[in-house]
Amino acid sequence: MQSRHVADFNHDPWAAGYDVEVQNEQTPVRAGYSAVLDWAVSAAQITPTQVVVDLGSGTGNTSARIGAAARMICVDISARMTAIAAAKLAHRPEVTFVQADLLGFFATQPRFDALVSTYAVHHLTGAEKGDLLRLIAAGLRPGGRAVFGDLMVKNAAEQQRLVALYQGLGDADTMEGLTEEFYWRIDLTLPQIAAAGLELVEVRRFSELSWGIGVRRPAPAHALRPGGC
């Protein structure tokens, strides 16, 4: 399985300037960027014994915030962004890099204890987000968390309001993102989370467009009972 628009969202052409661009949090799509990455890593509750996936790892800004782990798998379709991330994380022998599509990565049927993804999943269509959540649920070990920090809106009405707002401000770039990319619709995502068999842990807003969603794969009921086997 591959995402429908994988070729459109390969960020090779923008890799060299990406880290400078994201530092400008005055632009609406970058507002809250650092706080989102910090929160995502904290909310994933990663421990030194765990296998963690950074899905859509880009230039490694989220991966660089992750502390000790048994293994960290950085997944991105962009070879140029991955090369930048590899240089940043060269001192981390537990880190491996996989050049793959956000959905295609799961064809290997990986098993992992935690997953983080920042500013990547908005490249998937609404239906593909549901596919992704099901794939994550299949690979995530019981009790593990998946945390997403990304560009999101509450619902269709808010999306329309924001399009009108940025159109009125003459901000064509932000308006284009809201209309031509696939920002998460939180009202549609919550049922997809439940359908995938995951539990919602937290929804948090960081700016007009940046939000965080944390989910958890429930542990089996017998594992919660003292003496369960």
Protein backbone atom coordinates (compact mmCIF):
# COMPACT_ATOMS: atom_id res chain seq x y z
CA MET A 1 0.00 0.00 0.00
CA GLN A 2 1.24 3.47 -0.90
CA SER A 3 -0.35 6.85 -0.34
CA ARG A 4 -2.04 8.39 -3.33
CA HIS A 5 0.00 11.60 -3.36
CA VAL A 6 3.42 10.30 -2.31
CA ALA A 7 5.15 11.79 -5.36
CA ASP A 8 3.63 15.23 -4.73
CA PHE A 9 4.84 15.38 -1.15
CA ASN A 10 8.43 14.19 -1.54
CA HIS A 11 10.25 17.16 0.01
CA ASP A 12 13.60 16.64 -1.70
CA PRO A 13 13.42 20.06 -3.43
CA TRP A 14 12.95 21.86 -0.10
CA ALA A 15 15.31 19.83 2.09
CA ALA A 16 18.23 22.26 2.11
CA GLY A 17 16.18 25.17 3.44
CA TYR A 18 13.71 23.29 5.61
CA ASP A 19 15.38 23.76 9.00
CA VAL A 20 15.65 27.51 8.48
CA GLU A 21 12.04 27.74 7.31
CA VAL A 22 10.54 25.97 10.34
CA GLN A 23 12.28 28.37 12.70
CA ASN A 24 10.03 31.18 11.46
CA GLU A 25 7.05 30.56 13.72
CA GLN A 26 5.48 33.85 12.67
CA THR A 27 3.97 32.10 9.65
CA PRO A 28 0.63 30.37 10.40
CA VAL A 29 1.73 26.88 9.31
CA ARG A 30 4.87 27.07 11.47
CA ALA A 31 3.35 28.66 14.57
CA GLY A 32 3.85 26.35 17.54
CA TYR A 33 6.31 24.13 15.66
CA SER A 34 8.87 23.69 18.48
CA ALA A 35 6.19 23.23 21.14
CA VAL A 36 4.45 20.58 19.04
CA LEU A 37 7.68 18.56 18.62
CA ASP A 38 8.51 18.81 22.32
CA TRP A 39 5.00 17.73 23.31
CA ALA A 40 4.91 14.83 20.85
CA VAL A 41 8.08 13.30 22.26
CA SER A 42 6.95 13.80 25.85
CA ALA A 43 3.45 12.45 25.24
CA ALA A 44 4.79 9.28 23.60
CA GLN A 45 6.35 8.30 26.97
CA ILE A 46 9.32 6.55 25.34
CA THR A 47 11.60 4.51 27.59
CA PRO A 48 15.18 3.28 26.97
CA THR A 49 13.99 -0.30 26.39
CA GLN A 50 11.51 0.53 23.64
CA VAL A 51 11.48 0.41 19.85
CA VAL A 52 10.19 3.75 18.52
CA VAL A 53 9.18 4.83 15.01
CA ASP A 54 9.47 8.43 13.82
CA LEU A 55 7.07 8.40 10.86
CA GLY A 56 7.82 11.17 8.38
CA SER A 57 11.08 11.96 10.16
CA GLY A 58 12.22 14.58 7.65
CA THR A 59 15.42 16.31 8.70
CA GLY A 60 15.37 14.66 12.12
CA ASN A 61 14.07 17.50 14.27
CA THR A 62 11.69 15.24 16.19
CA SER A 63 14.10 12.29 16.34
CA ALA A 64 16.80 14.53 17.81
CA ARG A 65 14.47 15.28 20.75
CA ILE A 66 13.94 11.60 21.58
CA GLY A 67 16.09 10.29 24.40
CA ALA A 68 17.49 6.82 24.86
CA ALA A 69 15.68 4.00 23.08
CA ALA A 70 16.51 0.40 22.28
CA ARG A 71 15.97 1.18 18.61
CA MET A 72 14.71 4.20 16.69
CA ILE A 73 13.42 3.77 13.13
CA CYS A 74 13.25 7.00 11.11
CA VAL A 75 10.94 6.74 8.11
CA ASP A 76 10.75 9.28 5.29
CA ILE A 77 10.28 9.28 1.53
CA SER A 78 12.79 12.11 0.97
CA ALA A 79 16.38 10.94 0.44
CA ARG A 80 17.74 14.47 0.88
CA MET A 81 15.90 15.08 4.14
CA THR A 82 17.00 11.68 5.40
CA ALA A 83 20.63 12.55 4.64
CA ILE A 84 20.34 15.67 6.81
CA ALA A 85 18.73 13.65 9.61
CA ALA A 86 21.45 11.00 9.38
CA ALA A 87 24.11 13.66 9.90
CA LYS A 88 22.31 15.03 12.97
CA LEU A 89 21.92 11.56 14.48
CA ALA A 90 25.26 10.05 13.46
CA HIS A 91 26.20 9.69 17.15
CA ARG A 92 23.16 7.47 17.82
CA PRO A 93 23.99 3.84 16.88
CA GLU A 94 20.46 2.68 17.69
CA VAL A 95 18.99 4.81 14.88
CA THR A 96 18.18 3.28 11.50
CA PHE A 97 16.71 4.98 8.44
CA VAL A 98 14.06 3.65 6.08
CA GLN A 99 13.20 5.49 2.88
CA ALA A 100 9.53 4.67 2.48
CA ASP A 101 6.06 6.08 2.04
CA LEU A 102 4.02 6.76 5.17
CA LEU A 103 1.75 3.80 4.39
CA GLY A 104 4.22 1.65 2.47
CA PHE A 105 6.51 1.35 5.49
CA PHE A 106 4.00 -0.92 7.19
CA ALA A 107 4.25 -3.56 4.45
CA THR A 108 7.21 -4.89 6.44
CA GLN A 109 4.81 -5.57 9.34
CA PRO A 110 6.98 -3.82 11.91
CA ARG A 111 6.43 -4.17 15.66
CA PHE A 112 7.12 -1.18 17.87
CA ASP A 113 6.40 0.22 21.31
CA ALA A 114 5.83 3.86 20.40
CA LEU A 115 5.33 6.00 17.31
CA VAL A 116 5.68 9.75 16.82
CA SER A 117 4.83 11.70 13.70
CA THR A 118 5.03 15.46 13.23
CA TYR A 119 3.91 17.54 10.24
CA ALA A 120 3.69 14.56 7.89
CA VAL A 121 0.30 12.84 8.04
CA HIS A 122 -1.52 15.85 6.56
CA HIS A 123 -0.13 14.55 3.25
CA LEU A 124 -2.58 11.63 3.46
CA THR A 125 -6.18 11.87 2.37
CA GLY A 126 -8.90 11.49 4.98
CA ALA A 127 -9.49 7.85 4.08
CA GLU A 128 -5.74 7.17 4.12
CA LYS A 129 -5.52 8.53 7.65
CA GLY A 130 -7.96 5.81 8.66
CA ASP A 131 -5.79 3.24 6.88
CA LEU A 132 -2.74 4.56 8.70
CA LEU A 133 -4.38 4.32 12.10
CA ARG A 134 -5.32 0.69 11.44
CA LEU A 135 -1.75 -0.10 10.33
CA ILE A 136 -0.33 1.56 13.42
CA ALA A 137 -2.74 -0.36 15.66
CA ALA A 138 -1.56 -3.62 14.06
CA GLY A 139 2.11 -2.86 14.73
CA LEU A 140 1.88 -1.10 18.09
CA ARG A 141 2.45 -3.32 21.09
CA PRO A 142 -0.29 -3.30 23.76
CA GLY A 143 -0.02 -0.29 26.03
CA GLY A 144 2.06 1.62 23.48
CA ARG A 145 1.32 5.13 22.29
CA ALA A 146 1.18 6.87 18.93
CA VAL A 147 1.40 10.66 18.99
CA PHE A 148 0.78 13.04 16.11
CA GLY A 149 1.58 16.75 15.91
CA ASP A 150 0.32 18.27 12.69
CA LEU A 151 -1.82 20.77 10.82
CA MET A 152 -5.44 20.22 11.82
CA VAL A 153 -8.86 21.85 11.99
CA LYS A 154 -11.79 21.02 14.24
CA ASN A 155 -14.36 20.49 11.50
CA ALA A 156 -15.56 21.69 8.10
CA ALA A 157 -16.98 24.92 9.48
CA GLU A 158 -13.67 25.88 11.04
CA GLN A 159 -11.83 25.02 7.86
CA GLN A 160 -14.12 27.31 5.89
CA ARG A 161 -13.64 30.07 8.46
CA LEU A 162 -9.88 29.80 8.22
CA VAL A 163 -9.92 29.80 4.42
CA ALA A 164 -11.96 33.01 4.50
CA LEU A 165 -9.66 34.51 7.14
CA TYR A 166 -6.44 33.93 5.22
CA GLN A 167 -8.05 34.92 1.94
CA GLY A 168 -9.01 38.21 3.56
CA LEU A 169 -5.46 38.66 4.82
CA GLY A 170 -4.09 38.04 1.34
CA ASP A 171 -2.16 34.98 2.60
CA ALA A 172 -2.37 32.79 -0.48
CA ASP A 173 0.16 30.21 0.79
CA THR A 174 -1.80 29.43 3.97
CA MET A 175 -5.11 29.39 2.10
CA GLU A 176 -3.63 27.01 -0.46
CA GLY A 177 -2.53 24.61 2.26
CA LEU A 178 -6.04 24.58 3.73
CA THR A 179 -7.66 23.87 0.38
CA GLU A 180 -5.15 21.72 -1.51
CA GLU A 181 -3.52 19.62 1.22
CA PHE A 182 -5.26 17.25 3.60
CA TYR A 183 -5.16 18.87 7.03
CA TRP A 184 -6.63 16.60 9.67
CA ARG A 185 -10.34 17.05 10.41
CA ILE A 186 -10.51 16.24 14.11
CA ASP A 187 -14.24 15.49 13.97
CA LEU A 188 -13.54 12.82 11.34
CA THR A 189 -10.39 11.50 12.98
CA LEU A 190 -11.92 10.62 16.35
CA PRO A 191 -14.23 7.92 14.89
CA GLN A 192 -11.28 6.57 12.86
CA ILE A 193 -9.26 6.22 16.06
CA ALA A 194 -12.03 4.18 17.68
CA ALA A 195 -12.54 2.09 14.53
CA ALA A 196 -8.85 1.18 14.55
CA GLY A 197 -9.16 -0.15 18.09
CA LEU A 198 -7.13 2.66 19.63
CA GLU A 199 -7.93 4.81 22.66
CA LEU A 200 -7.79 8.59 22.55
CA VAL A 201 -5.41 9.93 25.20
CA GLU A 202 -5.23 13.63 24.44
CA VAL A 203 -6.12 16.36 21.95
CA ARG A 204 -4.21 19.60 22.36
CA ARG A 205 -4.11 22.84 20.39
CA PHE A 206 -0.87 24.77 19.96
CA SER A 207 -1.79 27.45 17.42
CA GLU A 208 -4.47 28.31 14.89
CA LEU A 209 -3.43 25.38 12.70
CA SER A 210 -1.15 23.15 14.80
CA TRP A 211 -2.66 20.49 17.05
CA GLY A 212 -1.58 17.32 18.78
CA ILE A 213 -3.40 14.00 19.06
CA GLY A 214 -2.20 11.14 21.27
CA VAL A 215 -3.63 7.62 21.14
CA ARG A 216 -2.89 4.36 22.90
CA ARG A 217 -3.33 0.69 22.05
CA PRO A 218 -5.20 -0.84 24.98
CA ALA A 219 -3.50 -3.57 26.95
CA PRO A 220 -5.40 -6.89 27.10
CA ALA A 221 -7.85 -7.06 29.98
CA HIS A 222 -6.04 -10.03 31.56
CA ALA A 223 -2.82 -8.00 31.67
CA LEU A 224 -4.53 -5.44 33.89
CA ARG A 225 -5.55 -7.99 36.55
CA PRO A 226 -3.07 -8.87 39.29
CA GLY A 227 -1.83 -12.37 38.67
CA GLY A 228 -3.23 -12.41 35.11
CA CYS A 229 -1.57 -14.76 32.63
